[in-house]
Amino acid sequence: MYQLDLTPGELDGLEWLAERYDSALVLSEGLLVDGETPDRYWVPEHVAWDALEATRGDGGAYGVVPCAGGGLATQLDRLFDSIV
């Protein structure tokens, strides 16, 4: 399991990206809410791998979710870097 701490704005950004890019869709559908800590989410390992592989079809660089910026981009970079 991988931890993502997403602000409400970052979560909204991920949802917006999920309407456009497969990698973000895989992540947004696979996030598990942490019932104890606000803004904390968990990504199962198979979801993280599937999202990483989905970046190949998103039209950008491998391991990059296009149009993700700011804190969300930093979180996603850390996630993908931790599994490869």
N, C-alpha and C. Protein backbone atom coordinates (compact mmCIF):
# COMPACT_ATOMS: atom_id res chain seq x y z
N MET A 1 0.85 -1.19 0.00
CA MET A 1 0.00 0.00 0.00
C MET A 1 0.88 1.23 0.00
N TYR A 2 0.44 2.20 -0.76
CA TYR A 2 1.15 3.48 -0.83
C TYR A 2 0.24 4.58 -0.30
N GLN A 3 0.82 5.50 0.42
CA GLN A 3 0.07 6.58 1.05
C GLN A 3 0.09 7.83 0.18
N LEU A 4 -1.07 8.44 0.02
CA LEU A 4 -1.18 9.75 -0.62
C LEU A 4 -1.93 10.67 0.33
N ASP A 5 -1.36 11.81 0.63
CA ASP A 5 -2.03 12.82 1.43
C ASP A 5 -2.45 13.94 0.47
N LEU A 6 -3.73 13.96 0.14
CA LEU A 6 -4.25 14.89 -0.86
C LEU A 6 -5.19 15.90 -0.21
N THR A 7 -4.95 17.15 -0.51
CA THR A 7 -5.88 18.19 -0.06
C THR A 7 -7.17 18.04 -0.86
N PRO A 8 -8.25 18.67 -0.39
CA PRO A 8 -9.48 18.62 -1.19
C PRO A 8 -9.28 19.14 -2.62
N GLY A 9 -8.46 20.17 -2.77
CA GLY A 9 -8.18 20.70 -4.10
C GLY A 9 -7.42 19.72 -4.97
N GLU A 10 -6.45 19.01 -4.38
CA GLU A 10 -5.70 18.02 -5.13
C GLU A 10 -6.59 16.84 -5.52
N LEU A 11 -7.47 16.46 -4.62
CA LEU A 11 -8.41 15.38 -4.93
C LEU A 11 -9.35 15.80 -6.07
N ASP A 12 -9.83 17.04 -6.03
CA ASP A 12 -10.65 17.56 -7.13
C ASP A 12 -9.86 17.55 -8.44
N GLY A 13 -8.58 17.91 -8.36
CA GLY A 13 -7.73 17.89 -9.55
C GLY A 13 -7.57 16.49 -10.11
N LEU A 14 -7.41 15.52 -9.23
CA LEU A 14 -7.29 14.13 -9.68
C LEU A 14 -8.58 13.68 -10.35
N GLU A 15 -9.72 14.07 -9.79
CA GLU A 15 -11.01 13.72 -10.40
C GLU A 15 -11.15 14.37 -11.77
N TRP A 16 -10.72 15.60 -11.91
CA TRP A 16 -10.77 16.30 -13.20
C TRP A 16 -9.89 15.56 -14.22
N LEU A 17 -8.69 15.19 -13.78
CA LEU A 17 -7.77 14.47 -14.67
C LEU A 17 -8.32 13.10 -15.04
N ALA A 18 -9.05 12.48 -14.11
CA ALA A 18 -9.61 11.14 -14.35
C ALA A 18 -10.61 11.14 -15.49
N GLU A 19 -11.19 12.29 -15.78
CA GLU A 19 -12.12 12.40 -16.90
C GLU A 19 -11.38 12.49 -18.23
N ARG A 20 -10.05 12.63 -18.17
CA ARG A 20 -9.28 12.87 -19.38
C ARG A 20 -8.16 11.85 -19.63
N TYR A 21 -7.62 11.29 -18.54
CA TYR A 21 -6.44 10.42 -18.66
C TYR A 21 -6.66 9.11 -17.92
N ASP A 22 -6.30 8.02 -18.58
CA ASP A 22 -6.49 6.70 -17.99
C ASP A 22 -5.73 6.50 -16.69
N SER A 23 -4.52 7.02 -16.61
CA SER A 23 -3.73 6.83 -15.39
C SER A 23 -4.42 7.45 -14.18
N ALA A 24 -4.96 8.64 -14.36
CA ALA A 24 -5.68 9.31 -13.26
C ALA A 24 -6.97 8.58 -12.93
N LEU A 25 -7.63 8.04 -13.96
CA LEU A 25 -8.86 7.28 -13.73
C LEU A 25 -8.57 6.03 -12.89
N VAL A 26 -7.52 5.32 -13.23
CA VAL A 26 -7.14 4.13 -12.46
C VAL A 26 -6.88 4.50 -11.00
N LEU A 27 -6.14 5.58 -10.79
CA LEU A 27 -5.84 6.01 -9.42
C LEU A 27 -7.09 6.44 -8.67
N SER A 28 -7.91 7.27 -9.30
CA SER A 28 -9.07 7.80 -8.59
C SER A 28 -10.06 6.69 -8.23
N GLU A 29 -10.19 5.69 -9.09
CA GLU A 29 -11.10 4.59 -8.80
C GLU A 29 -10.51 3.61 -7.78
N GLY A 30 -9.20 3.60 -7.64
CA GLY A 30 -8.57 2.65 -6.74
C GLY A 30 -8.18 3.19 -5.38
N LEU A 31 -8.38 4.51 -5.16
CA LEU A 31 -8.02 5.10 -3.87
C LEU A 31 -8.87 4.53 -2.75
N LEU A 32 -8.24 4.24 -1.64
CA LEU A 32 -8.94 3.81 -0.45
C LEU A 32 -8.85 4.93 0.59
N VAL A 33 -9.96 5.29 1.18
CA VAL A 33 -10.00 6.37 2.16
C VAL A 33 -9.50 5.86 3.50
N ASP A 34 -8.65 6.64 4.12
CA ASP A 34 -8.20 6.33 5.48
C ASP A 34 -9.26 6.85 6.43
N GLY A 35 -9.89 5.99 7.17
CA GLY A 35 -10.99 6.38 8.05
C GLY A 35 -10.57 7.16 9.27
N GLU A 36 -9.27 7.24 9.54
CA GLU A 36 -8.80 7.91 10.75
C GLU A 36 -8.17 9.26 10.50
N THR A 37 -7.55 9.44 9.34
CA THR A 37 -6.82 10.67 9.06
C THR A 37 -7.44 11.40 7.88
N PRO A 38 -7.93 12.62 8.10
CA PRO A 38 -8.51 13.38 6.98
C PRO A 38 -7.46 13.61 5.88
N ASP A 39 -7.91 13.61 4.66
CA ASP A 39 -7.07 13.88 3.49
C ASP A 39 -6.01 12.80 3.23
N ARG A 40 -6.12 11.65 3.90
CA ARG A 40 -5.16 10.56 3.66
C ARG A 40 -5.87 9.45 2.88
N TYR A 41 -5.18 9.00 1.87
CA TYR A 41 -5.70 7.93 1.01
C TYR A 41 -4.62 6.88 0.84
N TRP A 42 -5.06 5.68 0.51
CA TRP A 42 -4.14 4.57 0.29
C TRP A 42 -4.34 4.03 -1.12
N VAL A 43 -3.23 3.69 -1.73
CA VAL A 43 -3.24 3.12 -3.08
C VAL A 43 -2.68 1.70 -2.99
N PRO A 44 -3.51 0.70 -3.27
CA PRO A 44 -2.99 -0.66 -3.29
C PRO A 44 -1.89 -0.80 -4.35
N GLU A 45 -0.96 -1.70 -4.11
CA GLU A 45 0.18 -1.84 -5.02
C GLU A 45 -0.24 -2.13 -6.45
N HIS A 46 -1.23 -3.01 -6.65
CA HIS A 46 -1.64 -3.32 -8.02
C HIS A 46 -2.25 -2.11 -8.72
N VAL A 47 -2.92 -1.24 -7.97
CA VAL A 47 -3.49 -0.02 -8.56
C VAL A 47 -2.36 0.93 -8.95
N ALA A 48 -1.36 1.06 -8.10
CA ALA A 48 -0.23 1.93 -8.41
C ALA A 48 0.47 1.46 -9.69
N TRP A 49 0.70 0.15 -9.81
CA TRP A 49 1.33 -0.39 -11.02
C TRP A 49 0.45 -0.16 -12.25
N ASP A 50 -0.85 -0.40 -12.11
CA ASP A 50 -1.76 -0.21 -13.24
C ASP A 50 -1.78 1.25 -13.69
N ALA A 51 -1.77 2.16 -12.73
CA ALA A 51 -1.76 3.59 -13.06
C ALA A 51 -0.46 3.98 -13.75
N LEU A 52 0.65 3.47 -13.24
CA LEU A 52 1.94 3.75 -13.86
C LEU A 52 1.95 3.25 -15.31
N GLU A 53 1.50 2.04 -15.53
CA GLU A 53 1.46 1.49 -16.88
C GLU A 53 0.50 2.28 -17.78
N ALA A 54 -0.58 2.80 -17.20
CA ALA A 54 -1.56 3.57 -17.99
C ALA A 54 -0.98 4.89 -18.48
N THR A 55 0.07 5.40 -17.84
CA THR A 55 0.66 6.65 -18.31
C THR A 55 1.23 6.50 -19.72
N ARG A 56 1.53 5.28 -20.13
CA ARG A 56 2.05 5.05 -21.49
C ARG A 56 1.04 5.50 -22.55
N GLY A 57 -0.24 5.37 -22.27
CA GLY A 57 -1.27 5.73 -23.23
C GLY A 57 -1.84 7.13 -23.06
N ASP A 58 -1.31 7.88 -22.10
CA ASP A 58 -1.85 9.21 -21.81
C ASP A 58 -1.30 10.31 -22.71
N GLY A 59 -0.32 9.98 -23.53
CA GLY A 59 0.23 10.96 -24.44
C GLY A 59 1.39 11.77 -23.89
N GLY A 60 1.80 11.47 -22.69
CA GLY A 60 2.94 12.18 -22.08
C GLY A 60 4.08 11.21 -21.85
N ALA A 61 4.95 11.58 -20.95
CA ALA A 61 6.09 10.74 -20.62
C ALA A 61 5.65 9.60 -19.70
N TYR A 62 6.38 8.50 -19.77
CA TYR A 62 6.10 7.37 -18.90
C TYR A 62 6.27 7.81 -17.45
N GLY A 63 5.28 7.50 -16.62
CA GLY A 63 5.34 7.86 -15.21
C GLY A 63 4.87 9.26 -14.90
N VAL A 64 4.27 9.93 -15.88
CA VAL A 64 3.78 11.30 -15.68
C VAL A 64 2.32 11.37 -16.08
N VAL A 65 1.49 11.89 -15.18
CA VAL A 65 0.09 12.13 -15.51
C VAL A 65 0.02 13.53 -16.12
N PRO A 66 -0.34 13.64 -17.40
CA PRO A 66 -0.37 14.95 -18.05
C PRO A 66 -1.28 15.93 -17.31
N CYS A 67 -0.89 17.18 -17.30
CA CYS A 67 -1.66 18.29 -16.74
C CYS A 67 -1.72 18.30 -15.21
N ALA A 68 -1.13 17.32 -14.55
CA ALA A 68 -1.08 17.36 -13.08
C ALA A 68 -0.04 18.41 -12.69
N GLY A 69 -0.39 19.26 -11.79
CA GLY A 69 0.54 20.30 -11.38
C GLY A 69 0.60 20.44 -9.88
N GLY A 70 1.51 21.27 -9.42
CA GLY A 70 1.63 21.61 -8.02
C GLY A 70 1.82 20.41 -7.11
N GLY A 71 1.11 20.45 -5.99
CA GLY A 71 1.22 19.40 -4.99
C GLY A 71 0.77 18.06 -5.49
N LEU A 72 -0.23 18.04 -6.36
CA LEU A 72 -0.70 16.77 -6.92
C LEU A 72 0.40 16.12 -7.75
N ALA A 73 1.07 16.89 -8.58
CA ALA A 73 2.16 16.35 -9.39
C ALA A 73 3.26 15.80 -8.50
N THR A 74 3.57 16.51 -7.44
CA THR A 74 4.61 16.05 -6.50
C THR A 74 4.22 14.72 -5.87
N GLN A 75 2.96 14.61 -5.44
CA GLN A 75 2.48 13.37 -4.84
C GLN A 75 2.55 12.21 -5.83
N LEU A 76 2.13 12.45 -7.06
CA LEU A 76 2.12 11.39 -8.07
C LEU A 76 3.54 10.99 -8.46
N ASP A 77 4.44 11.98 -8.55
CA ASP A 77 5.85 11.66 -8.84
C ASP A 77 6.42 10.76 -7.75
N ARG A 78 6.15 11.11 -6.49
CA ARG A 78 6.64 10.30 -5.37
C ARG A 78 6.07 8.89 -5.41
N LEU A 79 4.77 8.81 -5.72
CA LEU A 79 4.13 7.50 -5.80
C LEU A 79 4.80 6.64 -6.86
N PHE A 80 4.91 7.18 -8.08
CA PHE A 80 5.49 6.40 -9.17
C PHE A 80 6.97 6.09 -8.94
N ASP A 81 7.70 7.03 -8.35
CA ASP A 81 9.11 6.79 -8.06
C ASP A 81 9.30 5.69 -7.03
N SER A 82 8.34 5.56 -6.13
CA SER A 82 8.50 4.58 -5.06
C SER A 82 8.22 3.15 -5.54
N ILE A 83 7.57 2.99 -6.69
CA ILE A 83 7.27 1.63 -7.14
C ILE A 83 8.18 1.14 -8.25
N VAL A 84 9.05 1.98 -8.75
CA VAL A 84 9.96 1.53 -9.82
C VAL A 84 11.38 1.46 -9.34
